[in-house]
C-alpha atoms as a PDB file:
ATOM      1  CA  UNK A   1       4.885 -13.025  -1.324  1.00  0.00           C
ATOM      2  CA  UNK A   2       1.796 -15.211  -0.970  1.00  0.00           C
ATOM      3  CA  UNK A   3      -0.455 -12.193  -1.574  1.00  0.00           C
ATOM      4  CA  UNK A   4       1.454 -11.319  -4.761  1.00  0.00           C
ATOM      5  CA  UNK A   5       1.147 -14.848  -6.109  1.00  0.00           C
ATOM      6  CA  UNK A   6      -2.584 -14.840  -5.354  1.00  0.00           C
ATOM      7  CA  UNK A   7      -3.006 -11.460  -7.054  1.00  0.00           C
ATOM      8  CA  UNK A   8      -1.257 -12.741 -10.175  1.00  0.00           C
ATOM      9  CA  UNK A   9      -3.510 -15.798 -10.245  1.00  0.00           C
ATOM     10  CA  UNK A  10      -6.630 -13.694  -9.605  1.00  0.00           C
ATOM     11  CA  UNK A  11      -5.739 -11.204 -12.364  1.00  0.00           C
ATOM     12  CA  UNK A  12      -5.192 -14.080 -14.788  1.00  0.00           C
ATOM     13  CA  UNK A  13      -8.473 -15.799 -13.930  1.00  0.00           C
ATOM     14  CA  UNK A  14     -10.505 -12.562 -14.076  1.00  0.00           C
ATOM     15  CA  UNK A  15      -8.956 -11.611 -17.429  1.00  0.00           C
ATOM     16  CA  UNK A  16      -9.760 -15.079 -18.759  1.00  0.00           C
ATOM     17  CA  UNK A  17     -13.399 -14.754 -17.645  1.00  0.00           C
ATOM     18  CA  UNK A  18     -13.634 -11.252 -19.153  1.00  0.00           C
ATOM     19  CA  UNK A  19     -12.311 -12.494 -22.482  1.00  0.00           C
ATOM     20  CA  UNK A  20     -14.845 -15.342 -22.408  1.00  0.00           C
ATOM     21  CA  UNK A  21     -17.654 -12.860 -21.722  1.00  0.00           C
ATOM     22  CA  UNK A  22     -18.546 -14.283 -18.307  1.00  0.00           C
ATOM     23  CA  UNK A  23     -17.674 -11.045 -16.480  1.00  0.00           C
ATOM     24  CA  UNK A  24     -18.524  -7.641 -17.977  1.00  0.00           C
ATOM     25  CA  UNK A  25     -15.766  -5.072 -18.295  1.00  0.00           C
ATOM     26  CA  UNK A  26     -16.219  -2.082 -15.978  1.00  0.00           C
ATOM     27  CA  UNK A  27     -14.721   1.246 -16.993  1.00  0.00           C
ATOM     28  CA  UNK A  28     -12.765   3.058 -14.320  1.00  0.00           C
ATOM     29  CA  UNK A  29     -13.615   6.701 -13.869  1.00  0.00           C
ATOM     30  CA  UNK A  30     -10.916   9.350 -13.655  1.00  0.00           C
ATOM     31  CA  UNK A  31     -12.195  10.352 -10.218  1.00  0.00           C
ATOM     32  CA  UNK A  32     -11.439   6.895  -8.806  1.00  0.00           C
ATOM     33  CA  UNK A  33      -7.928   6.967 -10.230  1.00  0.00           C
ATOM     34  CA  UNK A  34      -7.245  10.427  -8.790  1.00  0.00           C
ATOM     35  CA  UNK A  35      -8.645   9.448  -5.380  1.00  0.00           C
ATOM     36  CA  UNK A  36      -6.485   6.315  -5.375  1.00  0.00           C
ATOM     37  CA  UNK A  37      -3.302   8.308  -5.972  1.00  0.00           C
ATOM     38  CA  UNK A  38      -4.264  10.966  -3.412  1.00  0.00           C
ATOM     39  CA  UNK A  39      -4.916   8.259  -0.816  1.00  0.00           C
ATOM     40  CA  UNK A  40      -1.635   6.551  -1.730  1.00  0.00           C
ATOM     41  CA  UNK A  41       0.248   9.835  -1.297  1.00  0.00           C
ATOM     42  CA  UNK A  42      -1.372  10.572   2.079  1.00  0.00           C
ATOM     43  CA  UNK A  43      -0.665   7.098   3.435  1.00  0.00           C
ATOM     44  CA  UNK A  44       2.921   7.265   2.161  1.00  0.00           C
ATOM     45  CA  UNK A  45       3.513  10.629   3.831  1.00  0.00           C
ATOM     46  CA  UNK A  46       2.058   9.381   7.127  1.00  0.00           C
ATOM     47  CA  UNK A  47       4.263   6.276   6.953  1.00  0.00           C
ATOM     48  CA  UNK A  48       7.372   8.359   6.245  1.00  0.00           C
ATOM     49  CA  UNK A  49       6.614  10.704   9.165  1.00  0.00           C
ATOM     50  CA  UNK A  50       6.106   7.803  11.572  1.00  0.00           C
ATOM     51  CA  UNK A  51       9.281   6.052  10.410  1.00  0.00           C
ATOM     52  CA  UNK A  52      11.266   9.302  10.674  1.00  0.00           C
ATOM     53  CA  UNK A  53      10.034   9.775  14.253  1.00  0.00           C
ATOM     54  CA  UNK A  54      10.954   6.219  15.214  1.00  0.00           C
ATOM     55  CA  UNK A  55      14.409   6.484  13.654  1.00  0.00           C
ATOM     56  CA  UNK A  56      14.990   9.891  15.268  1.00  0.00           C
ATOM     57  CA  UNK A  57      13.981   8.485  18.645  1.00  0.00           C
ATOM     58  CA  UNK A  58      16.646   5.815  18.421  1.00  0.00           C
ATOM     59  CA  UNK A  59      19.356   7.916  16.788  1.00  0.00           C
ATOM     60  CA  UNK A  60      19.037  10.876  19.133  1.00  0.00           C
ATOM     61  CA  UNK A  61      18.399   8.802  22.246  1.00  0.00           C
ATOM     62  CA  UNK A  62      14.848   9.931  22.932  1.00  0.00           C
ATOM     63  CA  UNK A  63      13.662   6.351  23.304  1.00  0.00           C
ATOM     64  CA  UNK A  64      15.107   6.092  26.782  1.00  0.00           C
ATOM     65  CA  UNK A  65      17.666   3.744  28.214  1.00  0.00           C
ATOM     66  CA  UNK A  66      17.643   0.924  30.721  1.00  0.00           C
ATOM     67  CA  UNK A  67      21.205   1.709  31.829  1.00  0.00           C
ATOM     68  CA  UNK A  68      21.526   4.323  34.593  1.00  0.00           C
ATOM     69  CA  UNK A  69      24.359   6.831  34.179  1.00  0.00           C
END
């Protein structure tokens, strides 16, 4: 939550400086946008696989038990 509030403040202050001409506007290339979404997809898939493995370990009892049968 703190990071989000800081990002909102930072976006506001940078936009204000850009409108005043203190900071030049930088165009974003299409390659950077595509790489961002590819990286986001890869990280999301890795996260989903790890979470599925952890959940499966607990649901199917592969995590082990401290109680002896």
